[in-house]
Amino acid sequence: MHVSQQVAFKAPVKIGDTITVTSEVTGKIAEKRRIMITSTWVNHDGITVMTGKAECFLPA
């Protein structure tokens, strides 16, 4: 479940574009059962179109 999310739009996405998303767990707060994730969206030309960070709650 998302607790918070920040995104930055870097370039336009057009109809027909293929987007590849890469996400990495970049941190955790074990006592609160939360993880931080950083993501990058890249189009078929290798151009970064969006970046983002999210904090997620992991239910028991």
PDB file of N, CA and C in Angstrom:
ATOM      1  N   MET A   1       0.843  -1.156   0.000  1.00  0.00           N
ATOM      2  CA  MET A   1       0.000   0.000   0.000  1.00  0.00           C
ATOM      3  C   MET A   1       0.903   1.239   0.000  1.00  0.00           C
ATOM      4  N   HIS A   2       0.611   2.184  -0.895  1.00  0.00           N
ATOM      5  CA  HIS A   2       1.393   3.414  -0.967  1.00  0.00           C
ATOM      6  C   HIS A   2       1.111   4.304   0.244  1.00  0.00           C
ATOM      7  N   VAL A   3       2.178   4.797   0.853  1.00  0.00           N
ATOM      8  CA  VAL A   3       2.071   5.789   1.917  1.00  0.00           C
ATOM      9  C   VAL A   3       2.273   7.173   1.307  1.00  0.00           C
ATOM     10  N   SER A   4       3.283   7.280   0.439  1.00  0.00           N
ATOM     11  CA  SER A   4       3.542   8.540  -0.261  1.00  0.00           C
ATOM     12  C   SER A   4       4.221   8.237  -1.589  1.00  0.00           C
ATOM     13  N   GLN A   5       4.121   9.201  -2.498  1.00  0.00           N
ATOM     14  CA  GLN A   5       4.735   9.026  -3.811  1.00  0.00           C
ATOM     15  C   GLN A   5       5.083  10.398  -4.374  1.00  0.00           C
ATOM     16  N   GLN A   6       6.258  10.476  -5.012  1.00  0.00           N
ATOM     17  CA  GLN A   6       6.699  11.689  -5.697  1.00  0.00           C
ATOM     18  C   GLN A   6       7.117  11.288  -7.102  1.00  0.00           C
ATOM     19  N   VAL A   7       6.662  12.034  -8.104  1.00  0.00           N
ATOM     20  CA  VAL A   7       7.073  11.749  -9.477  1.00  0.00           C
ATOM     21  C   VAL A   7       7.506  13.040 -10.154  1.00  0.00           C
ATOM     22  N   ALA A   8       8.394  12.888 -11.130  1.00  0.00           N
ATOM     23  CA  ALA A   8       8.841  14.018 -11.944  1.00  0.00           C
ATOM     24  C   ALA A   8       8.726  13.609 -13.404  1.00  0.00           C
ATOM     25  N   PHE A   9       7.976  14.383 -14.168  1.00  0.00           N
ATOM     26  CA  PHE A   9       7.808  14.120 -15.594  1.00  0.00           C
ATOM     27  C   PHE A   9       8.949  14.806 -16.342  1.00  0.00           C
ATOM     28  N   LYS A  10       9.746  14.012 -17.067  1.00  0.00           N
ATOM     29  CA  LYS A  10      10.963  14.512 -17.710  1.00  0.00           C
ATOM     30  C   LYS A  10      10.803  14.766 -19.201  1.00  0.00           C
ATOM     31  N   ALA A  11       9.946  14.003 -19.872  1.00  0.00           N
ATOM     32  CA  ALA A  11       9.764  14.123 -21.321  1.00  0.00           C
ATOM     33  C   ALA A  11       8.385  13.582 -21.679  1.00  0.00           C
ATOM     34  N   PRO A  12       7.820  14.031 -22.803  1.00  0.00           N
ATOM     35  CA  PRO A  12       6.492  13.545 -23.196  1.00  0.00           C
ATOM     36  C   PRO A  12       6.509  12.079 -23.626  1.00  0.00           C
ATOM     37  N   VAL A  13       5.384  11.417 -23.406  1.00  0.00           N
ATOM     38  CA  VAL A  13       5.171  10.049 -23.884  1.00  0.00           C
ATOM     39  C   VAL A  13       4.117  10.134 -24.980  1.00  0.00           C
ATOM     40  N   LYS A  14       4.401   9.485 -26.097  1.00  0.00           N
ATOM     41  CA  LYS A  14       3.507   9.564 -27.251  1.00  0.00           C
ATOM     42  C   LYS A  14       2.837   8.214 -27.500  1.00  0.00           C
ATOM     43  N   ILE A  15       1.709   8.236 -28.180  1.00  0.00           N
ATOM     44  CA  ILE A  15       1.031   7.004 -28.565  1.00  0.00           C
ATOM     45  C   ILE A  15       2.005   6.153 -29.372  1.00  0.00           C
ATOM     46  N   GLY A  16       2.095   4.880 -29.028  1.00  0.00           N
ATOM     47  CA  GLY A  16       2.996   3.962 -29.719  1.00  0.00           C
ATOM     48  C   GLY A  16       4.344   3.787 -29.042  1.00  0.00           C
ATOM     49  N   ASP A  17       4.679   4.663 -28.071  1.00  0.00           N
ATOM     50  CA  ASP A  17       5.938   4.509 -27.336  1.00  0.00           C
ATOM     51  C   ASP A  17       5.903   3.228 -26.509  1.00  0.00           C
ATOM     52  N   THR A  18       7.045   2.597 -26.385  1.00  0.00           N
ATOM     53  CA  THR A  18       7.220   1.471 -25.473  1.00  0.00           C
ATOM     54  C   THR A  18       7.980   1.994 -24.266  1.00  0.00           C
ATOM     55  N   ILE A  19       7.419   1.785 -23.079  1.00  0.00           N
ATOM     56  CA  ILE A  19       8.015   2.297 -21.848  1.00  0.00           C
ATOM     57  C   ILE A  19       8.482   1.120 -21.002  1.00  0.00           C
ATOM     58  N   THR A  20       9.712   1.218 -20.509  1.00  0.00           N
ATOM     59  CA  THR A  20      10.270   0.217 -19.607  1.00  0.00           C
ATOM     60  C   THR A  20      10.481   0.870 -18.248  1.00  0.00           C
ATOM     61  N   VAL A  21       9.977   0.218 -17.201  1.00  0.00           N
ATOM     62  CA  VAL A  21      10.105   0.746 -15.845  1.00  0.00           C
ATOM     63  C   VAL A  21      11.091  -0.116 -15.072  1.00  0.00           C
ATOM     64  N   THR A  22      12.042   0.545 -14.420  1.00  0.00           N
ATOM     65  CA  THR A  22      12.992  -0.132 -13.548  1.00  0.00           C
ATOM     66  C   THR A  22      12.782   0.409 -12.141  1.00  0.00           C
ATOM     67  N   SER A  23      12.566  -0.496 -11.183  1.00  0.00           N
ATOM     68  CA  SER A  23      12.348  -0.097  -9.793  1.00  0.00           C
ATOM     69  C   SER A  23      13.335  -0.817  -8.896  1.00  0.00           C
ATOM     70  N   GLU A  24      13.741  -0.120  -7.837  1.00  0.00           N
ATOM     71  CA  GLU A  24      14.701  -0.684  -6.888  1.00  0.00           C
ATOM     72  C   GLU A  24      14.275  -0.308  -5.474  1.00  0.00           C
ATOM     73  N   VAL A  25      14.311  -1.277  -4.570  1.00  0.00           N
ATOM     74  CA  VAL A  25      14.084  -0.985  -3.157  1.00  0.00           C
ATOM     75  C   VAL A  25      15.352  -0.310  -2.648  1.00  0.00           C
ATOM     76  N   THR A  26      15.214   0.935  -2.194  1.00  0.00           N
ATOM     77  CA  THR A  26      16.382   1.724  -1.809  1.00  0.00           C
ATOM     78  C   THR A  26      16.490   1.954  -0.309  1.00  0.00           C
ATOM     79  N   GLY A  27      15.506   1.481   0.451  1.00  0.00           N
ATOM     80  CA  GLY A  27      15.577   1.638   1.896  1.00  0.00           C
ATOM     81  C   GLY A  27      14.441   0.906   2.573  1.00  0.00           C
ATOM     82  N   LYS A  28      14.559   0.781   3.890  1.00  0.00           N
ATOM     83  CA  LYS A  28      13.479   0.159   4.653  1.00  0.00           C
ATOM     84  C   LYS A  28      13.467   0.707   6.066  1.00  0.00           C
ATOM     85  N   ILE A  29      12.273   0.703   6.647  1.00  0.00           N
ATOM     86  CA  ILE A  29      12.078   1.041   8.053  1.00  0.00           C
ATOM     87  C   ILE A  29      11.372  -0.170   8.645  1.00  0.00           C
ATOM     88  N   ALA A  30      12.163  -1.114   9.144  1.00  0.00           N
ATOM     89  CA  ALA A  30      11.626  -2.410   9.571  1.00  0.00           C
ATOM     90  C   ALA A  30      10.567  -2.273  10.659  1.00  0.00           C
ATOM     91  N   GLU A  31      10.802  -1.407  11.643  1.00  0.00           N
ATOM     92  CA  GLU A  31       9.863  -1.300  12.761  1.00  0.00           C
ATOM     93  C   GLU A  31       8.506  -0.729  12.338  1.00  0.00           C
ATOM     94  N   LYS A  32       8.454  -0.030  11.207  1.00  0.00           N
ATOM     95  CA  LYS A  32       7.188   0.497  10.684  1.00  0.00           C
ATOM     96  C   LYS A  32       6.668  -0.314   9.499  1.00  0.00           C
ATOM     97  N   ARG A  33       7.402  -1.386   9.127  1.00  0.00           N
ATOM     98  CA  ARG A  33       7.041  -2.255   8.002  1.00  0.00           C
ATOM     99  C   ARG A  33       6.893  -1.455   6.704  1.00  0.00           C
ATOM    100  N   ARG A  34       7.869  -0.574   6.453  1.00  0.00           N
ATOM    101  CA  ARG A  34       7.840   0.267   5.255  1.00  0.00           C
ATOM    102  C   ARG A  34       9.108   0.094   4.436  1.00  0.00           C
ATOM    103  N   ILE A  35       8.958   0.238   3.123  1.00  0.00           N
ATOM    104  CA  ILE A  35      10.108   0.232   2.225  1.00  0.00           C
ATOM    105  C   ILE A  35      10.038   1.472   1.335  1.00  0.00           C
ATOM    106  N   MET A  36      11.201   1.899   0.850  1.00  0.00           N
ATOM    107  CA  MET A  36      11.291   2.997  -0.093  1.00  0.00           C
ATOM    108  C   MET A  36      11.707   2.419  -1.443  1.00  0.00           C
ATOM    109  N   ILE A  37      11.058   2.867  -2.498  1.00  0.00           N
ATOM    110  CA  ILE A  37      11.312   2.378  -3.852  1.00  0.00           C
ATOM    111  C   ILE A  37      11.610   3.571  -4.752  1.00  0.00           C
ATOM    112  N   THR A  38      12.652   3.442  -5.575  1.00  0.00           N
ATOM    113  CA  THR A  38      12.979   4.446  -6.591  1.00  0.00           C
ATOM    114  C   THR A  38      12.733   3.821  -7.958  1.00  0.00           C
ATOM    115  N   SER A  39      12.053   4.552  -8.839  1.00  0.00           N
ATOM    116  CA  SER A  39      11.706   4.025 -10.163  1.00  0.00           C
ATOM    117  C   SER A  39      12.108   5.004 -11.262  1.00  0.00           C
ATOM    118  N   THR A  40      12.438   4.429 -12.426  1.00  0.00           N
ATOM    119  CA  THR A  40      12.765   5.210 -13.615  1.00  0.00           C
ATOM    120  C   THR A  40      11.998   4.633 -14.798  1.00  0.00           C
ATOM    121  N   TRP A  41      11.326   5.491 -15.568  1.00  0.00           N
ATOM    122  CA  TRP A  41      10.587   5.105 -16.766  1.00  0.00           C
ATOM    123  C   TRP A  41      11.379   5.602 -17.975  1.00  0.00           C
ATOM    124  N   VAL A  42      11.710   4.689 -18.891  1.00  0.00           N
ATOM    125  CA  VAL A  42      12.532   5.016 -20.062  1.00  0.00           C
ATOM    126  C   VAL A  42      11.784   4.576 -21.317  1.00  0.00           C
ATOM    127  N   ASN A  43      11.810   5.423 -22.351  1.00  0.00           N
ATOM    128  CA  ASN A  43      11.139   5.035 -23.597  1.00  0.00           C
ATOM    129  C   ASN A  43      12.058   4.201 -24.485  1.00  0.00           C
ATOM    130  N   HIS A  44      11.542   3.778 -25.624  1.00  0.00           N
ATOM    131  CA  HIS A  44      12.268   2.888 -26.535  1.00  0.00           C
ATOM    132  C   HIS A  44      13.507   3.544 -27.147  1.00  0.00           C
ATOM    133  N   ASP A  45      13.639   4.865 -27.045  1.00  0.00           N
ATOM    134  CA  ASP A  45      14.831   5.565 -27.534  1.00  0.00           C
ATOM    135  C   ASP A  45      15.873   5.766 -26.433  1.00  0.00           C
ATOM    136  N   GLY A  46      15.591   5.231 -25.228  1.00  0.00           N
ATOM    137  CA  GLY A  46      16.529   5.373 -24.115  1.00  0.00           C
ATOM    138  C   GLY A  46      16.401   6.685 -23.363  1.00  0.00           C
ATOM    139  N   ILE A  47      15.343   7.437 -23.624  1.00  0.00           N
ATOM    140  CA  ILE A  47      15.123   8.725 -22.963  1.00  0.00           C
ATOM    141  C   ILE A  47      14.301   8.510 -21.695  1.00  0.00           C
ATOM    142  N   THR A  48      14.782   9.037 -20.577  1.00  0.00           N
ATOM    143  CA  THR A  48      14.036   8.966 -19.324  1.00  0.00           C
ATOM    144  C   THR A  48      12.841   9.904 -19.425  1.00  0.00           C
ATOM    145  N   VAL A  49      11.641   9.338 -19.280  1.00  0.00           N
ATOM    146  CA  VAL A  49      10.425  10.136 -19.395  1.00  0.00           C
ATOM    147  C   VAL A  49       9.807  10.464 -18.035  1.00  0.00           C
ATOM    148  N   MET A  50      10.177   9.694 -17.002  1.00  0.00           N
ATOM    149  CA  MET A  50       9.646   9.956 -15.675  1.00  0.00           C
ATOM    150  C   MET A  50      10.537   9.296 -14.634  1.00  0.00           C
ATOM    151  N   THR A  51      10.653   9.925 -13.475  1.00  0.00           N
ATOM    152  CA  THR A  51      11.337   9.323 -12.334  1.00  0.00           C
ATOM    153  C   THR A  51      10.409   9.438 -11.130  1.00  0.00           C
ATOM    154  N   GLY A  52      10.621   8.583 -10.150  1.00  0.00           N
ATOM    155  CA  GLY A  52       9.764   8.658  -8.988  1.00  0.00           C
ATOM    156  C   GLY A  52      10.318   7.927  -7.782  1.00  0.00           C
ATOM    157  N   LYS A  53       9.771   8.301  -6.636  1.00  0.00           N
ATOM    158  CA  LYS A  53      10.088   7.643  -5.369  1.00  0.00           C
ATOM    159  C   LYS A  53       8.774   7.357  -4.664  1.00  0.00           C
ATOM    160  N   ALA A  54       8.728   6.233  -3.974  1.00  0.00           N
ATOM    161  CA  ALA A  54       7.521   5.866  -3.240  1.00  0.00           C
ATOM    162  C   ALA A  54       7.906   5.245  -1.907  1.00  0.00           C
ATOM    163  N   GLU A  55       7.051   5.465  -0.925  1.00  0.00           N
ATOM    164  CA  GLU A  55       7.170   4.776   0.357  1.00  0.00           C
ATOM    165  C   GLU A  55       5.947   3.890   0.470  1.00  0.00           C
ATOM    166  N   CYS A  56       6.161   2.611   0.756  1.00  0.00           N
ATOM    167  CA  CYS A  56       5.077   1.636   0.792  1.00  0.00           C
ATOM    168  C   CYS A  56       5.027   0.932   2.138  1.00  0.00           C
ATOM    169  N   PHE A  57       3.809   0.680   2.614  1.00  0.00           N
ATOM    170  CA  PHE A  57       3.568  -0.070   3.838  1.00  0.00           C
ATOM    171  C   PHE A  57       3.361  -1.531   3.472  1.00  0.00           C
ATOM    172  N   LEU A  58       4.026  -2.424   4.185  1.00  0.00           N
ATOM    173  CA  LEU A  58       3.897  -3.861   3.935  1.00  0.00           C
ATOM    174  C   LEU A  58       3.028  -4.473   5.028  1.00  0.00           C
ATOM    175  N   PRO A  59       1.788  -4.866   4.705  1.00  0.00           N
ATOM    176  CA  PRO A  59       0.923  -5.448   5.727  1.00  0.00           C
ATOM    177  C   PRO A  59       1.449  -6.800   6.203  1.00  0.00           C
ATOM    178  N   ALA A  60       1.082  -7.147   7.412  1.00  0.00           N
ATOM    179  CA  ALA A  60       1.538  -8.417   8.005  1.00  0.00           C
ATOM    180  C   ALA A  60       0.882  -9.598   7.335  1.00  0.00           C
TER     181      ALA A  60
END
